[in-house]
Amino acid sequence: MRRRYPTAVYVVLSLIAIGILYNLFRNPGSFLLPVIIFGAVFLLYKFPPSRLRRMFTSGPSYYRPKTKPKAKTQRTKKARFRVIEGNKKSSNDEDEPPRYH
């Protein structure tokens, strides 16, 4: 099934295309300068110079000392819960109404 867009979307996209073409033919410098800058940034990101590439890598693997894998640590035993005696009344005091403040 093909998705069908509303007519307003086609109108807006065609107006955008007309505006871009109009600016391109009327003043190509204002359109080409951002495209050139964006292209240069993209190329530097995709293919960085060798001196920048060396900054972000930690060197060849044959120069780095090999690291030992971490020894397996024993799991700690789960702590057993213990009851801490509180200030609760004994079962004999149930007849009295509760004290408030």
C-alpha atoms as a PDB file:
ATOM      1  CA  MET A   1       0.000   0.000   0.000  1.00  0.00           C
ATOM      2  CA  ARG A   2       1.276   3.363  -0.926  1.00  0.00           C
ATOM      3  CA  ARG A   3       0.881   6.122   1.586  1.00  0.00           C
ATOM      4  CA  ARG A   4      -0.926   9.115   0.219  1.00  0.00           C
ATOM      5  CA  TYR A   5      -0.074  12.570   1.516  1.00  0.00           C
ATOM      6  CA  PRO A   6      -2.561  15.446   1.727  1.00  0.00           C
ATOM      7  CA  THR A   7      -2.568  18.011  -1.040  1.00  0.00           C
ATOM      8  CA  ALA A   8      -1.245  20.691   1.318  1.00  0.00           C
ATOM      9  CA  VAL A   9       2.016  18.750   1.734  1.00  0.00           C
ATOM     10  CA  TYR A  10       2.552  18.689  -2.032  1.00  0.00           C
ATOM     11  CA  VAL A  11       1.812  22.421  -2.265  1.00  0.00           C
ATOM     12  CA  VAL A  12       4.288  23.267   0.512  1.00  0.00           C
ATOM     13  CA  LEU A  13       7.022  21.041  -0.969  1.00  0.00           C
ATOM     14  CA  SER A  14       6.566  22.557  -4.426  1.00  0.00           C
ATOM     15  CA  LEU A  15       6.763  26.093  -2.969  1.00  0.00           C
ATOM     16  CA  ILE A  16       9.969  25.141  -1.145  1.00  0.00           C
ATOM     17  CA  ALA A  17      11.463  23.789  -4.381  1.00  0.00           C
ATOM     18  CA  ILE A  18      10.460  26.925  -6.299  1.00  0.00           C
ATOM     19  CA  GLY A  19      11.984  29.150  -3.591  1.00  0.00           C
ATOM     20  CA  ILE A  20      15.270  27.227  -3.609  1.00  0.00           C
ATOM     21  CA  LEU A  21      15.519  27.349  -7.414  1.00  0.00           C
ATOM     22  CA  TYR A  22      14.639  31.057  -7.436  1.00  0.00           C
ATOM     23  CA  ASN A  23      17.378  31.840  -4.893  1.00  0.00           C
ATOM     24  CA  LEU A  24      19.857  29.639  -6.740  1.00  0.00           C
ATOM     25  CA  PHE A  25      19.392  31.511 -10.027  1.00  0.00           C
ATOM     26  CA  ARG A  26      19.003  34.974  -8.520  1.00  0.00           C
ATOM     27  CA  ASN A  27      21.877  34.897  -6.010  1.00  0.00           C
ATOM     28  CA  PRO A  28      23.945  31.715  -6.296  1.00  0.00           C
ATOM     29  CA  GLY A  29      26.552  32.898  -3.769  1.00  0.00           C
ATOM     30  CA  SER A  30      24.115  32.919  -0.881  1.00  0.00           C
ATOM     31  CA  PHE A  31      23.056  29.377  -1.720  1.00  0.00           C
ATOM     32  CA  LEU A  32      26.414  27.848  -2.614  1.00  0.00           C
ATOM     33  CA  LEU A  33      28.362  29.106   0.411  1.00  0.00           C
ATOM     34  CA  PRO A  34      26.392  27.053   2.994  1.00  0.00           C
ATOM     35  CA  VAL A  35      26.470  24.024   0.677  1.00  0.00           C
ATOM     36  CA  ILE A  36      30.270  24.286   0.332  1.00  0.00           C
ATOM     37  CA  ILE A  37      30.747  24.692   4.103  1.00  0.00           C
ATOM     38  CA  PHE A  38      28.438  21.758   4.843  1.00  0.00           C
ATOM     39  CA  GLY A  39      30.259  19.634   2.248  1.00  0.00           C
ATOM     40  CA  ALA A  40      33.678  20.484   3.707  1.00  0.00           C
ATOM     41  CA  VAL A  41      32.560  19.621   7.243  1.00  0.00           C
ATOM     42  CA  PHE A  42      31.042  16.360   6.008  1.00  0.00           C
ATOM     43  CA  LEU A  43      34.219  15.394   4.140  1.00  0.00           C
ATOM     44  CA  LEU A  44      36.402  16.199   7.158  1.00  0.00           C
ATOM     45  CA  TYR A  45      34.117  14.082   9.328  1.00  0.00           C
ATOM     46  CA  LYS A  46      34.050  11.186   6.874  1.00  0.00           C
ATOM     47  CA  PHE A  47      37.742  11.297   5.898  1.00  0.00           C
ATOM     48  CA  PRO A  48      39.715  13.042   8.665  1.00  0.00           C
ATOM     49  CA  PRO A  49      43.332  14.075   8.010  1.00  0.00           C
ATOM     50  CA  SER A  50      45.965  11.647   9.288  1.00  0.00           C
ATOM     51  CA  ARG A  51      47.119  13.902  12.150  1.00  0.00           C
ATOM     52  CA  LEU A  52      43.569  14.172  13.499  1.00  0.00           C
ATOM     53  CA  ARG A  53      43.044  10.451  13.105  1.00  0.00           C
ATOM     54  CA  ARG A  54      46.117   9.793  15.286  1.00  0.00           C
ATOM     55  CA  MET A  55      44.735  12.011  18.055  1.00  0.00           C
ATOM     56  CA  PHE A  56      41.624   9.920  18.495  1.00  0.00           C
ATOM     57  CA  THR A  57      43.193   6.462  18.304  1.00  0.00           C
ATOM     58  CA  SER A  58      45.332   5.089  21.084  1.00  0.00           C
ATOM     59  CA  GLY A  59      47.948   3.689  18.742  1.00  0.00           C
ATOM     60  CA  PRO A  60      48.572   0.354  17.094  1.00  0.00           C
ATOM     61  CA  SER A  61      47.730  -2.717  19.096  1.00  0.00           C
ATOM     62  CA  TYR A  62      51.291  -4.099  18.969  1.00  0.00           C
ATOM     63  CA  TYR A  63      52.585  -1.112  20.984  1.00  0.00           C
ATOM     64  CA  ARG A  64      49.952  -1.381  23.694  1.00  0.00           C
ATOM     65  CA  PRO A  65      50.568  -3.849  26.499  1.00  0.00           C
ATOM     66  CA  LYS A  66      48.052  -6.632  26.626  1.00  0.00           C
ATOM     67  CA  THR A  67      45.633  -6.432  29.474  1.00  0.00           C
ATOM     68  CA  LYS A  68      44.712  -9.414  31.556  1.00  0.00           C
ATOM     69  CA  PRO A  69      41.071 -10.280  31.811  1.00  0.00           C
ATOM     70  CA  LYS A  70      39.560  -9.446  35.158  1.00  0.00           C
ATOM     71  CA  ALA A  71      39.405 -12.291  37.616  1.00  0.00           C
ATOM     72  CA  LYS A  72      35.937 -13.445  38.456  1.00  0.00           C
ATOM     73  CA  THR A  73      34.877 -12.046  41.769  1.00  0.00           C
ATOM     74  CA  GLN A  74      32.844 -14.094  44.169  1.00  0.00           C
ATOM     75  CA  ARG A  75      29.321 -13.020  44.691  1.00  0.00           C
ATOM     76  CA  THR A  76      28.673 -11.523  48.053  1.00  0.00           C
ATOM     77  CA  LYS A  77      26.276 -13.415  50.235  1.00  0.00           C
ATOM     78  CA  LYS A  78      22.938 -11.826  50.710  1.00  0.00           C
ATOM     79  CA  ALA A  79      22.655 -10.276  54.136  1.00  0.00           C
ATOM     80  CA  ARG A  80      20.171 -11.946  56.396  1.00  0.00           C
ATOM     81  CA  PHE A  81      17.586  -9.640  57.815  1.00  0.00           C
ATOM     82  CA  ARG A  82      17.360  -9.369  61.541  1.00  0.00           C
ATOM     83  CA  VAL A  83      14.604  -7.920  63.615  1.00  0.00           C
ATOM     84  CA  ILE A  84      15.397  -4.797  65.572  1.00  0.00           C
ATOM     85  CA  GLU A  85      13.294  -4.509  68.687  1.00  0.00           C
ATOM     86  CA  GLY A  86      11.083  -1.466  68.560  1.00  0.00           C
ATOM     87  CA  ASN A  87       8.846   0.436  70.958  1.00  0.00           C
ATOM     88  CA  LYS A  88       5.668  -1.504  70.261  1.00  0.00           C
ATOM     89  CA  LYS A  89       3.362  -2.286  73.116  1.00  0.00           C
ATOM     90  CA  SER A  90       2.854  -5.789  74.290  1.00  0.00           C
ATOM     91  CA  SER A  91      -0.343  -7.639  73.443  1.00  0.00           C
ATOM     92  CA  ASN A  92      -1.652  -6.944  76.989  1.00  0.00           C
ATOM     93  CA  ASP A  93      -1.949  -3.218  76.262  1.00  0.00           C
ATOM     94  CA  GLU A  94      -4.456  -3.597  73.406  1.00  0.00           C
ATOM     95  CA  ASP A  95      -7.322  -2.454  75.643  1.00  0.00           C
ATOM     96  CA  GLU A  96      -5.974   1.066  76.027  1.00  0.00           C
ATOM     97  CA  PRO A  97      -6.699   3.610  73.315  1.00  0.00           C
ATOM     98  CA  PRO A  98      -3.656   4.700  71.287  1.00  0.00           C
ATOM     99  CA  ARG A  99      -1.720   7.666  72.589  1.00  0.00           C
ATOM    100  CA  TYR A 100      -1.533  10.676  70.319  1.00  0.00           C
ATOM    101  CA  HIS A 101       1.470  12.942  70.595  1.00  0.00           C
END
